[in-house]
Protein backbone atom coordinates (compact mmCIF):
# COMPACT_ATOMS: atom_id res chain seq x y z
CA UNK A 1 8.99 -10.40 -17.08
CA UNK A 2 9.01 -13.78 -18.35
CA UNK A 3 11.92 -14.90 -15.89
CA UNK A 4 9.88 -13.99 -12.96
CA UNK A 5 8.20 -16.86 -11.12
CA UNK A 6 4.40 -17.18 -10.61
CA UNK A 7 2.05 -19.67 -8.68
CA UNK A 8 -0.39 -20.04 -11.78
CA UNK A 9 -1.59 -23.70 -11.70
CA UNK A 10 0.27 -24.39 -8.49
CA UNK A 11 -2.92 -25.17 -6.76
CA UNK A 12 -5.25 -25.97 -9.50
CA UNK A 13 -6.77 -24.16 -12.40
CA UNK A 14 -9.84 -23.03 -10.52
CA UNK A 15 -8.15 -22.12 -7.09
CA UNK A 16 -9.11 -18.70 -5.43
CA UNK A 17 -6.99 -18.72 -2.49
CA UNK A 18 -3.46 -18.30 -3.94
CA UNK A 19 -0.80 -18.35 -1.48
CA UNK A 20 -2.91 -18.52 1.51
CA UNK A 21 -2.84 -22.35 0.55
CA UNK A 22 0.74 -22.12 2.13
CA UNK A 23 -0.88 -21.55 5.51
CA UNK A 24 -1.19 -25.45 6.62
CA UNK A 25 -2.38 -26.64 9.94
CA UNK A 26 1.26 -26.48 11.13
CA UNK A 27 1.55 -22.83 10.26
CA UNK A 28 -1.85 -22.12 11.98
CA UNK A 29 -0.67 -23.88 15.10
CA UNK A 30 2.70 -22.02 14.75
CA UNK A 31 0.65 -18.76 14.70
CA UNK A 32 -1.49 -19.80 17.61
CA UNK A 33 1.63 -20.74 19.81
CA UNK A 34 2.48 -16.81 19.49
CA UNK A 35 -0.59 -15.77 21.62
CA UNK A 36 0.75 -16.06 24.79
CA UNK A 37 -0.59 -13.13 26.91
CA UNK A 38 -3.81 -12.14 24.88
CA UNK A 39 -2.55 -8.70 24.12
CA UNK A 40 -4.00 -7.42 20.72
CA UNK A 41 -3.05 -4.69 18.55
CA UNK A 42 -5.15 -3.54 15.58
CA UNK A 43 -3.44 -3.16 12.13
CA UNK A 44 -6.02 -1.04 10.76
CA UNK A 45 -6.11 2.81 10.38
CA UNK A 46 -8.83 4.84 11.90
CA UNK A 47 -10.93 6.36 8.82
CA UNK A 48 -13.17 9.10 9.73
CA UNK A 49 -16.40 9.27 7.56
CA UNK A 50 -17.86 12.66 6.34
CA UNK A 51 -21.40 13.36 5.34
CA UNK A 52 -22.21 12.87 1.59
CA UNK A 53 -23.09 16.36 0.29
CA UNK A 54 -23.98 16.88 -3.20
CA UNK A 55 -26.35 18.77 -5.31
CA UNK A 56 -26.46 22.61 -6.13
CA UNK A 57 -26.23 23.60 -2.48
CA UNK A 58 -23.03 21.74 -1.68
CA UNK A 59 -19.88 23.88 -1.30
CA UNK A 60 -17.17 23.36 -3.41
CA UNK A 61 -14.84 23.17 -0.62
CA UNK A 62 -17.11 20.20 0.97
CA UNK A 63 -14.65 17.70 2.77
CA UNK A 64 -14.80 14.19 1.64
CA UNK A 65 -13.07 10.97 2.62
CA UNK A 66 -13.05 7.40 1.41
CA UNK A 67 -15.98 6.69 3.73
CA UNK A 68 -18.90 8.96 3.38
CA UNK A 69 -22.11 8.77 5.31
CA UNK A 70 -25.16 9.24 3.25
CA UNK A 71 -27.88 9.16 5.94
CA UNK A 72 -27.93 9.10 9.77
CA UNK A 73 -30.86 7.95 11.55
CA UNK A 74 -30.73 9.26 15.19
CA UNK A 75 -34.18 7.62 16.03
CA UNK A 76 -35.48 10.88 17.48
CA UNK A 77 -35.83 9.20 20.92
CA UNK A 78 -36.34 5.58 19.54
CA UNK A 79 -33.78 3.16 21.08
CA UNK A 80 -32.20 2.16 17.75
CA UNK A 81 -30.11 4.16 15.16
CA UNK A 82 -28.36 3.50 11.86
CA UNK A 83 -26.79 4.94 8.91
CA UNK A 84 -26.08 4.37 5.48
CA UNK A 85 -22.50 4.50 4.20
CA UNK A 86 -20.79 4.50 0.73
CA UNK A 87 -17.09 3.01 1.07
CA UNK A 88 -14.50 3.49 -1.55
CA UNK A 89 -12.30 0.11 -0.84
CA UNK A 90 -9.10 0.75 -2.72
CA UNK A 91 -8.44 3.88 -0.94
CA UNK A 92 -5.56 4.81 1.26
CA UNK A 93 -7.74 5.81 3.96
CA UNK A 94 -9.12 2.55 4.27
CA UNK A 95 -7.24 -0.58 5.42
CA UNK A 96 -8.38 -3.09 2.86
CA UNK A 97 -7.64 -6.67 1.46
CA UNK A 98 -7.04 -7.10 -2.16
CA UNK A 99 -8.96 -10.17 -3.73
CA UNK A 100 -6.97 -11.98 -6.46
CA UNK A 101 -9.46 -10.67 -8.92
CA UNK A 102 -8.30 -6.96 -8.42
CA UNK A 103 -5.52 -7.55 -10.66
CA UNK A 104 -5.62 -8.61 -14.35
CA UNK A 105 -2.39 -9.51 -16.52
CA UNK A 106 -3.01 -9.86 -20.35
CA UNK A 107 -6.63 -10.19 -19.92
CA UNK A 108 -6.55 -12.84 -17.22
CA UNK A 109 -6.48 -13.03 -13.59
CA UNK A 110 -5.15 -15.94 -11.55
CA UNK A 111 -4.72 -18.59 -12.23
CA UNK A 112 -5.54 -18.16 -15.78
CA UNK A 113 -9.13 -17.04 -15.64
CA UNK A 114 -10.28 -14.68 -18.70
CA UNK A 115 -11.32 -11.30 -17.42
CA UNK A 116 -14.72 -11.96 -19.15
CA UNK A 117 -15.34 -14.96 -16.97
CA UNK A 118 -14.07 -13.60 -13.62
CA UNK A 119 -16.24 -10.51 -13.43
CA UNK A 120 -19.05 -8.57 -15.00
CA UNK A 121 -21.75 -6.06 -14.19
CA UNK A 122 -23.02 -8.12 -11.14
CA UNK A 123 -19.55 -8.41 -9.55
CA UNK A 124 -16.76 -10.52 -9.22
CA UNK A 125 -17.01 -14.23 -9.93
CA UNK A 126 -13.89 -15.67 -9.43
CA UNK A 127 -11.09 -14.14 -7.08
CA UNK A 128 -13.46 -12.27 -5.01
CA UNK A 129 -12.17 -10.82 -1.53
CA UNK A 130 -15.03 -12.57 0.35
CA UNK A 131 -13.29 -15.97 -0.18
CA UNK A 132 -11.18 -15.19 2.96
CA UNK A 133 -14.39 -14.80 4.84
CA UNK A 134 -13.43 -17.89 6.82
CA UNK A 135 -10.44 -16.28 8.36
CA UNK A 136 -6.61 -15.97 7.80
CA UNK A 137 -4.87 -17.28 10.80
CA UNK A 138 -1.09 -17.98 11.06
CA UNK A 139 1.86 -16.23 12.43
CA UNK A 140 2.66 -12.78 11.62
CA UNK A 141 6.14 -11.12 11.40
CA UNK A 142 7.18 -7.69 11.56
CA UNK A 143 10.00 -6.35 9.61
CA UNK A 144 10.75 -2.63 10.29
CA UNK A 145 12.73 -1.07 7.62
CA UNK A 146 13.28 2.28 9.70
CA UNK A 147 13.07 1.74 13.22
CA UNK A 148 12.11 4.80 14.98
CA UNK A 149 11.76 7.02 11.61
CA UNK A 150 10.98 6.38 8.08
CA UNK A 151 12.42 5.27 4.82
CA UNK A 152 13.71 7.95 2.46
CA UNK A 153 11.36 9.08 -0.28
CA UNK A 154 11.58 6.92 -3.43
CA UNK A 155 13.48 4.50 -1.67
CA UNK A 156 13.67 1.08 -3.76
CA UNK A 157 13.02 -1.66 -0.95
CA UNK A 158 15.30 -4.51 -2.09
CA UNK A 159 15.69 -8.07 -0.74
CA UNK A 160 18.88 -6.90 1.10
CA UNK A 161 16.53 -4.66 2.95
CA UNK A 162 14.28 -7.24 4.02
CA UNK A 163 17.16 -9.72 5.17
CA UNK A 164 18.57 -6.86 7.10
CA UNK A 165 15.22 -6.08 8.92
CA UNK A 166 14.95 -9.87 9.64
CA UNK A 167 18.33 -9.93 11.08
CA UNK A 168 17.68 -7.09 13.36
CA UNK A 169 14.61 -8.70 14.51
CA UNK A 170 16.16 -12.22 14.77
CA UNK A 171 13.54 -13.89 13.00
CA UNK A 172 13.11 -16.32 9.97
CA UNK A 173 10.35 -15.81 7.71
CA UNK A 174 8.63 -19.27 7.19
CA UNK A 175 6.34 -20.71 4.59
CA UNK A 176 2.84 -19.81 5.51
CA UNK A 177 3.74 -16.58 7.68
CA UNK A 178 1.90 -13.34 7.20
CA UNK A 179 4.41 -10.45 6.62
CA UNK A 180 4.06 -7.02 7.60
CA UNK A 181 6.68 -4.52 6.47
CA UNK A 182 6.98 -1.03 8.03
CA UNK A 183 8.74 1.74 6.30
CA UNK A 184 6.98 4.75 8.18
CA UNK A 185 4.80 6.21 5.53
CA UNK A 186 1.08 6.91 5.49
CA UNK A 187 -0.16 7.42 1.84
CA UNK A 188 -3.39 9.07 2.95
CA UNK A 189 -1.52 12.20 4.59
CA UNK A 190 2.16 11.87 3.05
CA UNK A 191 3.10 13.47 -0.07
CA UNK A 192 4.88 11.36 -2.90
CA UNK A 193 7.52 10.20 -4.02
CA UNK A 194 6.83 7.16 -2.19
CA UNK A 195 9.20 4.31 -1.26
CA UNK A 196 8.35 0.87 -2.95
CA UNK A 197 9.04 -2.58 -3.24
CA UNK A 198 11.22 -3.56 -6.14
CA UNK A 199 10.93 -6.75 -8.11
CA UNK A 200 13.66 -8.62 -6.29
CA UNK A 201 11.78 -7.79 -2.83
CA UNK A 202 8.71 -9.48 -4.35
CA UNK A 203 10.58 -12.39 -5.40
CA UNK A 204 11.99 -12.64 -1.92
CA UNK A 205 8.37 -13.19 -0.70
CA UNK A 206 8.01 -15.97 -3.18
CA UNK A 207 11.12 -17.40 -1.95
CA UNK A 208 10.34 -17.27 1.57
CA UNK A 209 6.71 -18.44 1.10
CA UNK A 210 4.90 -15.31 2.25
CA UNK A 211 1.17 -16.19 2.58
CA UNK A 212 -0.22 -12.62 2.76
CA UNK A 213 1.57 -9.16 2.84
CA UNK A 214 0.71 -6.07 4.84
CA UNK A 215 2.71 -3.33 4.30
CA UNK A 216 2.88 0.58 4.65
CA UNK A 217 5.47 0.26 1.87
CA UNK A 218 3.73 -0.92 -1.28
CA UNK A 219 4.23 0.22 -4.91
CA UNK A 220 6.56 3.11 -5.42
CA UNK A 221 4.89 6.42 -6.79
CA UNK A 222 6.19 7.62 -9.24
CA UNK A 223 7.62 4.27 -10.38
CA UNK A 224 11.11 3.54 -9.40
CA UNK A 225 13.54 4.01 -12.34
CA UNK A 226 14.64 0.77 -14.12
CA UNK A 227 12.00 -1.21 -11.84
CA UNK A 228 8.90 -2.92 -13.03
CA UNK A 229 5.95 -0.45 -12.37
CA UNK A 230 3.47 -1.71 -9.57
CA UNK A 231 5.65 -4.60 -8.97
CA UNK A 232 3.85 -5.43 -5.65
CA UNK A 233 0.59 -5.66 -7.32
CA UNK A 234 1.43 -6.55 -10.65
CA UNK A 235 4.03 -9.63 -9.53
CA UNK A 236 2.86 -9.98 -6.00
CA UNK A 237 -0.75 -10.11 -6.26
CA UNK A 238 -1.18 -10.74 -9.98
CA UNK A 239 1.51 -13.39 -10.58
CA UNK A 240 2.32 -14.93 -7.13
CA UNK A 241 -1.43 -14.72 -5.94
CA UNK A 242 -0.25 -13.32 -2.39
CA UNK A 243 -3.40 -11.29 -1.15
CA UNK A 244 -2.36 -7.81 -0.05
CA UNK A 245 -3.46 -5.83 2.73
CA UNK A 246 -3.17 -2.16 1.57
CA UNK A 247 -3.30 0.83 3.96
CA UNK A 248 -2.57 -0.85 7.17
CA UNK A 249 -1.17 1.43 10.16
CA UNK A 250 1.64 -0.29 11.67
CA UNK A 251 2.72 2.43 14.20
CA UNK A 252 0.96 0.67 17.22
CA UNK A 253 2.62 -2.65 16.14
CA UNK A 254 6.09 -1.51 15.80
CA UNK A 255 5.99 0.03 19.32
CA UNK A 256 4.38 -3.03 20.80
CA UNK A 257 7.10 -5.19 19.04
CA UNK A 258 9.81 -3.28 20.33
CA UNK A 259 8.61 -2.86 23.82
CA UNK A 260 7.96 -6.76 24.03
CA UNK A 261 11.21 -7.28 22.25
CA UNK A 262 9.51 -9.77 19.93
CA UNK A 263 8.74 -9.40 16.45
CA UNK A 264 6.14 -12.30 15.63
CA UNK A 265 2.63 -12.73 16.74
CA UNK A 266 -0.67 -14.61 16.10
CA UNK A 267 -1.96 -12.90 12.86
CA UNK A 268 -5.68 -12.82 12.54
CA UNK A 269 -7.78 -11.29 9.67
CA UNK A 270 -11.36 -11.96 8.02
CA UNK A 271 -12.84 -10.39 5.25
CA UNK A 272 -16.64 -9.60 5.56
CA UNK A 273 -18.90 -11.90 3.66
CA UNK A 274 -19.90 -9.38 1.07
CA UNK A 275 -19.80 -11.36 -2.28
CA UNK A 276 -18.57 -10.27 -5.58
CA UNK A 277 -16.07 -7.79 -4.57
CA UNK A 278 -12.31 -7.00 -5.60
CA UNK A 279 -11.75 -6.00 -2.08
CA UNK A 280 -13.10 -5.45 1.17
CA UNK A 281 -12.43 -3.45 4.46
CA UNK A 282 -10.50 -5.54 7.07
CA UNK A 283 -9.41 -5.14 10.52
CA UNK A 284 -6.04 -7.29 10.94
CA UNK A 285 -5.04 -8.20 14.51
CA UNK A 286 -2.04 -9.21 16.06
CA UNK A 287 -2.24 -11.11 19.21
CA UNK A 288 0.80 -11.56 21.57
């Protein structure tokens, strides 16, 4: 889409933060002002690990999940216990933050770094998720596209849908905000066809100055007819450099917002400082 905007070069040729640069001191202060009572809601889903089973004795029906425990040391009476886990980060069962190095367009990642220079056998060298280890703190906004229910299968989320949800909530999305969008879908348990963001909805994110996006509505599967396949990742993450939090659970957030009659809150998230990854599990928090 040659006519679609992009943020490549907007914050320099070596930038790794992308749209998070829109979170100014003013935006952080705006977010901090939303924490009035201290009530906190997690936006992360609960992931239940399974033992890692393998080898000739493993049954074909052995359950697996995005998090597998390879070893559990119970201590046999010792005071300390531990485990080793393998985590499939980009999995719908894991709430995770996509680093900007997760998506390449025409052999380059934001803001124009050749893939050969951005990553290699030892991991991601440019656009890794741990660049957000210092924390993303700003105002969060919830747009509920299907209050009390869920969007229809294969529903194309448009800019008009986002405008209508903002009007119902009585909020204006401001530059530097973290946007959470609820459609009522869980990709770990619900079967496709999934609703998804259209290119027009992603353009809306750019026009509003959204700094980070967390939605249970992401890219449609299968792709929407006549639409850019994978618009949220291809355009939002790849061209606009908006970090995406995939696989959030927004159910408690929606209930809390409706109970309190407010759809804004302080948004807080930090990635673990595990270097060189395209994404990392996170636990985003909404503080009211």
